[in-house]
Amino acid sequence: MIVQTDVCSNEKNKQRNLFLGIMLDLFGMLTYLVPFFGELADTVWAPIAALMLSRMYKGSIGKVGGIIEFLEEILPFSDFIPTFTLTWIYTYVIKNQGNTQNLKELQ
């Protein structure tokens, strides 16, 4: 019963992180709509986005992702990179493929 609850909870976190990631990436890209105000808004958004990403993904993935998100938002003309979504892909797709291969090798 506990295992089933953990699986459901993990699946909800997975879906929540994907939805939030896409929304936050879109919000970060909105600054392109206003030419000069956009880069000024990025200086405010960069630390907020970095903190949010580091809270969404625990451990070294969150720390490294937060730093990359901060740099992506603070550097001019780099807002098109969907860092939240790429972090989700790394966490739930790429990293899981490695875990699946390791399990097959053990069997």
Protein backbone atom coordinates (compact mmCIF):
# COMPACT_ATOMS: atom_id res chain seq x y z
CA MET A 1 0.00 0.00 0.00
CA ILE A 2 2.83 2.39 0.84
CA VAL A 3 4.61 1.66 -2.42
CA GLN A 4 1.45 2.40 -4.40
CA THR A 5 1.01 5.73 -2.57
CA ASP A 6 4.64 6.66 -3.29
CA VAL A 7 4.18 5.86 -6.98
CA CYS A 8 1.01 7.99 -7.17
CA SER A 9 2.73 10.84 -5.32
CA ASN A 10 5.76 10.65 -7.62
CA GLU A 11 3.50 10.64 -10.70
CA LYS A 12 1.65 13.73 -9.41
CA ASN A 13 4.98 15.50 -8.78
CA LYS A 14 6.10 14.56 -12.26
CA GLN A 15 2.98 16.03 -13.87
CA ARG A 16 3.02 19.09 -11.60
CA ASN A 17 6.68 19.82 -12.37
CA LEU A 18 6.06 19.51 -16.11
CA PHE A 19 3.06 21.87 -16.04
CA LEU A 20 4.81 24.39 -13.76
CA GLY A 21 7.99 24.16 -15.82
CA ILE A 22 6.23 24.93 -19.08
CA MET A 23 4.30 27.82 -17.49
CA LEU A 24 7.44 29.30 -15.91
CA ASP A 25 9.40 28.96 -19.15
CA LEU A 26 6.62 30.78 -20.99
CA PHE A 27 6.53 33.47 -18.32
CA GLY A 28 10.29 33.94 -18.66
CA MET A 29 9.92 34.31 -22.42
CA LEU A 30 7.20 36.96 -22.05
CA THR A 31 9.87 39.58 -21.48
CA TYR A 32 10.58 39.49 -25.22
CA LEU A 33 7.23 41.20 -25.81
CA VAL A 34 8.42 44.54 -24.39
CA PRO A 35 11.77 45.48 -26.02
CA PHE A 36 13.69 47.49 -23.39
CA PHE A 37 11.60 46.68 -20.34
CA GLY A 38 12.19 42.99 -20.92
CA GLU A 39 15.86 42.94 -20.07
CA LEU A 40 15.22 45.03 -16.95
CA ALA A 41 12.47 42.63 -15.90
CA ASP A 42 14.91 39.74 -16.33
CA THR A 43 17.11 41.14 -13.56
CA VAL A 44 14.15 40.76 -11.20
CA TRP A 45 12.95 37.44 -12.64
CA ALA A 46 16.37 35.72 -12.70
CA PRO A 47 16.78 35.14 -8.93
CA ILE A 48 13.09 34.25 -8.53
CA ALA A 49 13.24 31.68 -11.33
CA ALA A 50 16.50 30.22 -10.02
CA LEU A 51 15.03 29.82 -6.53
CA MET A 52 11.87 28.21 -7.90
CA LEU A 53 13.82 25.71 -9.99
CA SER A 54 16.06 24.78 -7.07
CA ARG A 55 12.97 24.20 -4.90
CA MET A 56 11.19 22.12 -7.54
CA TYR A 57 14.14 19.74 -7.98
CA LYS A 58 16.02 18.71 -4.86
CA GLY A 59 19.70 17.86 -4.63
CA SER A 60 22.41 18.60 -7.15
CA ILE A 61 19.94 18.73 -10.06
CA GLY A 62 18.13 21.64 -8.42
CA LYS A 63 21.33 23.47 -7.48
CA VAL A 64 22.91 23.18 -10.91
CA GLY A 65 19.60 23.88 -12.64
CA GLY A 66 19.07 26.98 -10.49
CA ILE A 67 22.48 28.35 -11.42
CA ILE A 68 21.89 27.66 -15.12
CA GLU A 69 18.42 29.25 -14.91
CA PHE A 70 19.85 32.36 -13.23
CA LEU A 71 22.54 32.74 -15.89
CA GLU A 72 20.06 32.11 -18.70
CA GLU A 73 17.71 34.80 -17.43
CA ILE A 74 20.34 37.38 -16.50
CA LEU A 75 22.31 37.14 -19.76
CA PRO A 76 20.79 39.18 -22.58
CA PHE A 77 19.04 37.42 -25.47
CA SER A 78 19.11 33.95 -23.91
CA ASP A 79 15.49 33.81 -22.71
CA PHE A 80 14.48 31.39 -25.44
CA ILE A 81 16.12 28.45 -23.62
CA PRO A 82 13.41 26.46 -21.74
CA THR A 83 15.52 25.60 -18.70
CA PHE A 84 12.62 24.38 -16.54
CA THR A 85 11.43 22.01 -19.26
CA LEU A 86 14.95 20.79 -20.01
CA THR A 87 15.47 20.06 -16.30
CA TRP A 88 12.24 18.05 -16.28
CA ILE A 89 13.39 16.07 -19.33
CA TYR A 90 16.74 15.35 -17.69
CA THR A 91 15.15 14.34 -14.38
CA TYR A 92 12.26 12.20 -15.58
CA VAL A 93 13.37 10.92 -19.00
CA ILE A 94 17.16 10.81 -19.35
CA LYS A 95 17.97 9.92 -15.75
CA ASN A 96 15.23 7.24 -15.68
CA GLN A 97 16.63 5.62 -18.83
CA GLY A 98 19.96 5.20 -17.02
CA ASN A 99 18.21 3.67 -14.00
CA THR A 100 16.27 1.26 -16.23
CA GLN A 101 19.46 0.12 -17.96
CA ASN A 102 21.17 -0.42 -14.59
CA LEU A 103 18.25 -2.60 -13.43
CA LYS A 104 18.41 -4.71 -16.61
CA GLU A 105 22.14 -5.25 -16.08
CA LEU A 106 21.55 -6.44 -12.51
CA GLN A 107 19.00 -9.02 -13.66
